[in-house]
Amino acid sequence: MAKKKSSDELSVPKAISEVARGVATARAMKPHDHSDAGPADADGDSTAEAPQRSRAELQADIAATRAQLAGLVDEIEHRLDVPARAEVIVDDFKTDPKKAVVTHKKTTVTAAVVVAAVGTGIGLLIRAIVKK
């Protein structure tokens, strides 16, 4: 999967909700009733007319929806593949550290906080040992 700009990427919760919405929409679609009463609307009334679409249009819509859902699933898989994402970030830092700091701001801040916390912990531990 090609890497997208961070502004184009979906968050994991948003991607999951998009997939769930697509599944709910697909489940809500019912086959067209060919009886003389006509199609029923959400309230069970048969007064609403369903849009008439050709088989080719329906198949094209299904193909487009499948492609969209496949893209969302790929995005979710990419976001949940932490080792691969970490490898990409490490490679970015090895290649061009200055650009990587700008590109991966959250990772840089998190790493700085972790280093500061570990350093503080080690300093406090050494101080406690020296005081004994």
C-alpha atoms as a PDB file:
ATOM      1  CA  MET A   1       0.000   0.000   0.000  1.00  0.00           C
ATOM      2  CA  ALA A   2       1.343   3.412  -0.920  1.00  0.00           C
ATOM      3  CA  LYS A   3       2.097   5.744   1.938  1.00  0.00           C
ATOM      4  CA  LYS A   4      -0.443   8.563   2.227  1.00  0.00           C
ATOM      5  CA  LYS A   5      -0.028  12.007   3.674  1.00  0.00           C
ATOM      6  CA  SER A   6      -0.924  12.022   7.358  1.00  0.00           C
ATOM      7  CA  SER A   7      -3.855  14.379   6.690  1.00  0.00           C
ATOM      8  CA  ASP A   8      -5.337  11.821   4.250  1.00  0.00           C
ATOM      9  CA  GLU A   9      -5.060   8.879   6.619  1.00  0.00           C
ATOM     10  CA  LEU A  10      -8.001   7.715   8.650  1.00  0.00           C
ATOM     11  CA  SER A  11      -7.729   7.168  12.334  1.00  0.00           C
ATOM     12  CA  VAL A  12      -8.282   3.547  13.357  1.00  0.00           C
ATOM     13  CA  PRO A  13     -11.608   4.305  15.111  1.00  0.00           C
ATOM     14  CA  LYS A  14     -12.821   6.291  12.096  1.00  0.00           C
ATOM     15  CA  ALA A  15     -11.784   3.532   9.694  1.00  0.00           C
ATOM     16  CA  ILE A  16     -13.564   0.931  11.820  1.00  0.00           C
ATOM     17  CA  SER A  17     -16.706   3.058  11.966  1.00  0.00           C
ATOM     18  CA  GLU A  18     -16.578   3.512   8.167  1.00  0.00           C
ATOM     19  CA  VAL A  19     -16.344  -0.255   7.672  1.00  0.00           C
ATOM     20  CA  ALA A  20     -19.159  -0.846  10.182  1.00  0.00           C
ATOM     21  CA  ARG A  21     -21.322   1.761   8.431  1.00  0.00           C
ATOM     22  CA  GLY A  22     -20.686   0.059   5.095  1.00  0.00           C
ATOM     23  CA  VAL A  23     -21.571  -3.337   6.513  1.00  0.00           C
ATOM     24  CA  ALA A  24     -24.740  -1.961   8.132  1.00  0.00           C
ATOM     25  CA  THR A  25     -25.743  -0.338   4.836  1.00  0.00           C
ATOM     26  CA  ALA A  26     -25.104  -3.559   2.938  1.00  0.00           C
ATOM     27  CA  ARG A  27     -27.158  -5.560   5.449  1.00  0.00           C
ATOM     28  CA  ALA A  28     -30.001  -3.047   5.309  1.00  0.00           C
ATOM     29  CA  MET A  29     -30.294  -3.382   1.549  1.00  0.00           C
ATOM     30  CA  LYS A  30     -32.956  -5.924   0.688  1.00  0.00           C
ATOM     31  CA  PRO A  31     -33.597  -7.546  -2.677  1.00  0.00           C
ATOM     32  CA  HIS A  32     -36.208  -5.735  -4.799  1.00  0.00           C
ATOM     33  CA  ASP A  33     -39.716  -7.102  -4.227  1.00  0.00           C
ATOM     34  CA  HIS A  34     -41.267  -8.001  -7.581  1.00  0.00           C
ATOM     35  CA  SER A  35     -44.808  -8.268  -6.220  1.00  0.00           C
ATOM     36  CA  ASP A  36     -47.640  -6.017  -7.444  1.00  0.00           C
ATOM     37  CA  ALA A  37     -47.755  -4.123  -4.133  1.00  0.00           C
ATOM     38  CA  GLY A  38     -44.556  -2.230  -4.934  1.00  0.00           C
ATOM     39  CA  PRO A  39     -41.477  -1.707  -2.761  1.00  0.00           C
ATOM     40  CA  ALA A  40     -41.967  -0.876   0.913  1.00  0.00           C
ATOM     41  CA  ASP A  41     -40.266   2.069   2.599  1.00  0.00           C
ATOM     42  CA  ALA A  42     -38.708   2.023   6.083  1.00  0.00           C
ATOM     43  CA  ASP A  43     -42.153   2.164   7.776  1.00  0.00           C
ATOM     44  CA  GLY A  44     -43.477  -0.785   5.794  1.00  0.00           C
ATOM     45  CA  ASP A  45     -45.642   1.419   3.541  1.00  0.00           C
ATOM     46  CA  SER A  46     -45.583   0.560  -0.125  1.00  0.00           C
ATOM     47  CA  THR A  47     -46.128   4.158  -1.251  1.00  0.00           C
ATOM     48  CA  ALA A  48     -42.451   5.086  -1.702  1.00  0.00           C
ATOM     49  CA  GLU A  49     -40.939   4.313  -5.085  1.00  0.00           C
ATOM     50  CA  ALA A  50     -37.473   2.819  -5.087  1.00  0.00           C
ATOM     51  CA  PRO A  51     -35.089   4.275  -7.668  1.00  0.00           C
ATOM     52  CA  GLN A  52     -34.944   2.045 -10.717  1.00  0.00           C
ATOM     53  CA  ARG A  53     -31.377   1.181 -11.620  1.00  0.00           C
ATOM     54  CA  SER A  54     -30.034  -1.167 -14.190  1.00  0.00           C
ATOM     55  CA  ARG A  55     -28.184  -4.330 -13.315  1.00  0.00           C
ATOM     56  CA  ALA A  56     -24.957  -2.790 -14.642  1.00  0.00           C
ATOM     57  CA  GLU A  57     -25.380   0.265 -12.380  1.00  0.00           C
ATOM     58  CA  LEU A  58     -25.970  -1.959  -9.351  1.00  0.00           C
ATOM     59  CA  GLN A  59     -22.935  -4.075 -10.175  1.00  0.00           C
ATOM     60  CA  ALA A  60     -20.811  -0.947 -10.618  1.00  0.00           C
ATOM     61  CA  ASP A  61     -22.007   0.371  -7.229  1.00  0.00           C
ATOM     62  CA  ILE A  62     -21.226  -2.959  -5.589  1.00  0.00           C
ATOM     63  CA  ALA A  63     -17.749  -3.011  -7.152  1.00  0.00           C
ATOM     64  CA  ALA A  64     -17.096   0.575  -6.019  1.00  0.00           C
ATOM     65  CA  THR A  65     -18.279  -0.195  -2.480  1.00  0.00           C
ATOM     66  CA  ARG A  66     -16.118  -3.317  -2.338  1.00  0.00           C
ATOM     67  CA  ALA A  67     -13.096  -1.334  -3.516  1.00  0.00           C
ATOM     68  CA  GLN A  68     -13.756   1.340  -0.900  1.00  0.00           C
ATOM     69  CA  LEU A  69     -14.146  -1.253   1.868  1.00  0.00           C
ATOM     70  CA  ALA A  70     -10.994  -3.035   0.685  1.00  0.00           C
ATOM     71  CA  GLY A  71      -9.128   0.268   0.933  1.00  0.00           C
ATOM     72  CA  LEU A  72     -10.425   0.799   4.461  1.00  0.00           C
ATOM     73  CA  VAL A  73      -9.416  -2.726   5.468  1.00  0.00           C
ATOM     74  CA  ASP A  74      -5.942  -2.162   3.983  1.00  0.00           C
ATOM     75  CA  GLU A  75      -5.653   1.092   5.960  1.00  0.00           C
ATOM     76  CA  ILE A  76      -6.696  -0.674   9.180  1.00  0.00           C
ATOM     77  CA  GLU A  77      -4.206  -3.480   8.547  1.00  0.00           C
ATOM     78  CA  HIS A  78      -1.468  -0.917   7.886  1.00  0.00           C
ATOM     79  CA  ARG A  79      -2.246   0.980  11.086  1.00  0.00           C
ATOM     80  CA  LEU A  80      -2.381  -2.186  13.185  1.00  0.00           C
ATOM     81  CA  ASP A  81       0.908  -3.572  11.804  1.00  0.00           C
ATOM     82  CA  VAL A  82       3.045  -1.895  14.464  1.00  0.00           C
ATOM     83  CA  PRO A  83       6.347  -3.661  13.650  1.00  0.00           C
ATOM     84  CA  ALA A  84       6.155  -2.612   9.989  1.00  0.00           C
ATOM     85  CA  ARG A  85       5.254   0.965  10.933  1.00  0.00           C
ATOM     86  CA  ALA A  86       8.105   1.090  13.465  1.00  0.00           C
ATOM     87  CA  GLU A  87      10.510  -0.210  10.817  1.00  0.00           C
ATOM     88  CA  VAL A  88       9.419   2.544   8.408  1.00  0.00           C
ATOM     89  CA  ILE A  89       9.908   5.194  11.104  1.00  0.00           C
ATOM     90  CA  VAL A  90      13.361   3.858  12.036  1.00  0.00           C
ATOM     91  CA  ASP A  91      14.361   3.778   8.357  1.00  0.00           C
ATOM     92  CA  ASP A  92      13.145   7.369   7.970  1.00  0.00           C
ATOM     93  CA  PHE A  93      15.268   8.465  10.951  1.00  0.00           C
ATOM     94  CA  LYS A  94      18.315   6.627   9.581  1.00  0.00           C
ATOM     95  CA  THR A  95      17.890   8.171   6.129  1.00  0.00           C
ATOM     96  CA  ASP A  96      17.205  11.808   7.056  1.00  0.00           C
ATOM     97  CA  PRO A  97      16.839  12.573  10.785  1.00  0.00           C
ATOM     98  CA  LYS A  98      15.828  16.222  10.301  1.00  0.00           C
ATOM     99  CA  LYS A  99      13.045  15.360   7.882  1.00  0.00           C
ATOM    100  CA  ALA A 100      11.942  12.431  10.059  1.00  0.00           C
ATOM    101  CA  VAL A 101      11.555  14.688  13.108  1.00  0.00           C
ATOM    102  CA  VAL A 102       9.163  16.872  11.113  1.00  0.00           C
ATOM    103  CA  THR A 103       7.354  13.941   9.514  1.00  0.00           C
ATOM    104  CA  HIS A 104       6.970  11.894  12.713  1.00  0.00           C
ATOM    105  CA  LYS A 105       6.260  14.600  15.303  1.00  0.00           C
ATOM    106  CA  LYS A 106       4.240  12.377  17.654  1.00  0.00           C
ATOM    107  CA  THR A 107       6.889   9.666  17.611  1.00  0.00           C
ATOM    108  CA  THR A 108       9.645  12.207  18.263  1.00  0.00           C
ATOM    109  CA  VAL A 109       7.795  13.763  21.211  1.00  0.00           C
ATOM    110  CA  THR A 110       6.945  10.348  22.649  1.00  0.00           C
ATOM    111  CA  ALA A 111      10.559   9.211  22.350  1.00  0.00           C
ATOM    112  CA  ALA A 112      11.788  12.415  24.031  1.00  0.00           C
ATOM    113  CA  VAL A 113       9.344  11.946  26.921  1.00  0.00           C
ATOM    114  CA  VAL A 114      10.363   8.298  27.365  1.00  0.00           C
ATOM    115  CA  VAL A 115      14.066   9.191  27.337  1.00  0.00           C
ATOM    116  CA  ALA A 116      13.457  11.977  29.871  1.00  0.00           C
ATOM    117  CA  ALA A 117      11.440   9.659  32.130  1.00  0.00           C
ATOM    118  CA  VAL A 118      14.053   6.895  31.989  1.00  0.00           C
ATOM    119  CA  GLY A 119      16.846   9.404  32.592  1.00  0.00           C
ATOM    120  CA  THR A 120      14.991  10.875  35.571  1.00  0.00           C
ATOM    121  CA  GLY A 121      14.364   7.395  36.970  1.00  0.00           C
ATOM    122  CA  ILE A 122      18.017   6.430  36.641  1.00  0.00           C
ATOM    123  CA  GLY A 123      19.078   9.725  38.217  1.00  0.00           C
ATOM    124  CA  LEU A 124      16.730   9.217  41.175  1.00  0.00           C
ATOM    125  CA  LEU A 125      17.913   5.632  41.582  1.00  0.00           C
ATOM    126  CA  ILE A 126      21.566   6.692  41.614  1.00  0.00           C
ATOM    127  CA  ARG A 127      20.764   9.477  44.071  1.00  0.00           C
ATOM    128  CA  ALA A 128      18.978   7.009  46.384  1.00  0.00           C
ATOM    129  CA  ILE A 129      21.936   4.573  46.219  1.00  0.00           C
ATOM    130  CA  VAL A 130      24.494   7.314  46.916  1.00  0.00           C
ATOM    131  CA  LYS A 131      22.528   8.600  49.952  1.00  0.00           C
ATOM    132  CA  LYS A 132      22.658   5.185  51.678  1.00  0.00           C
END
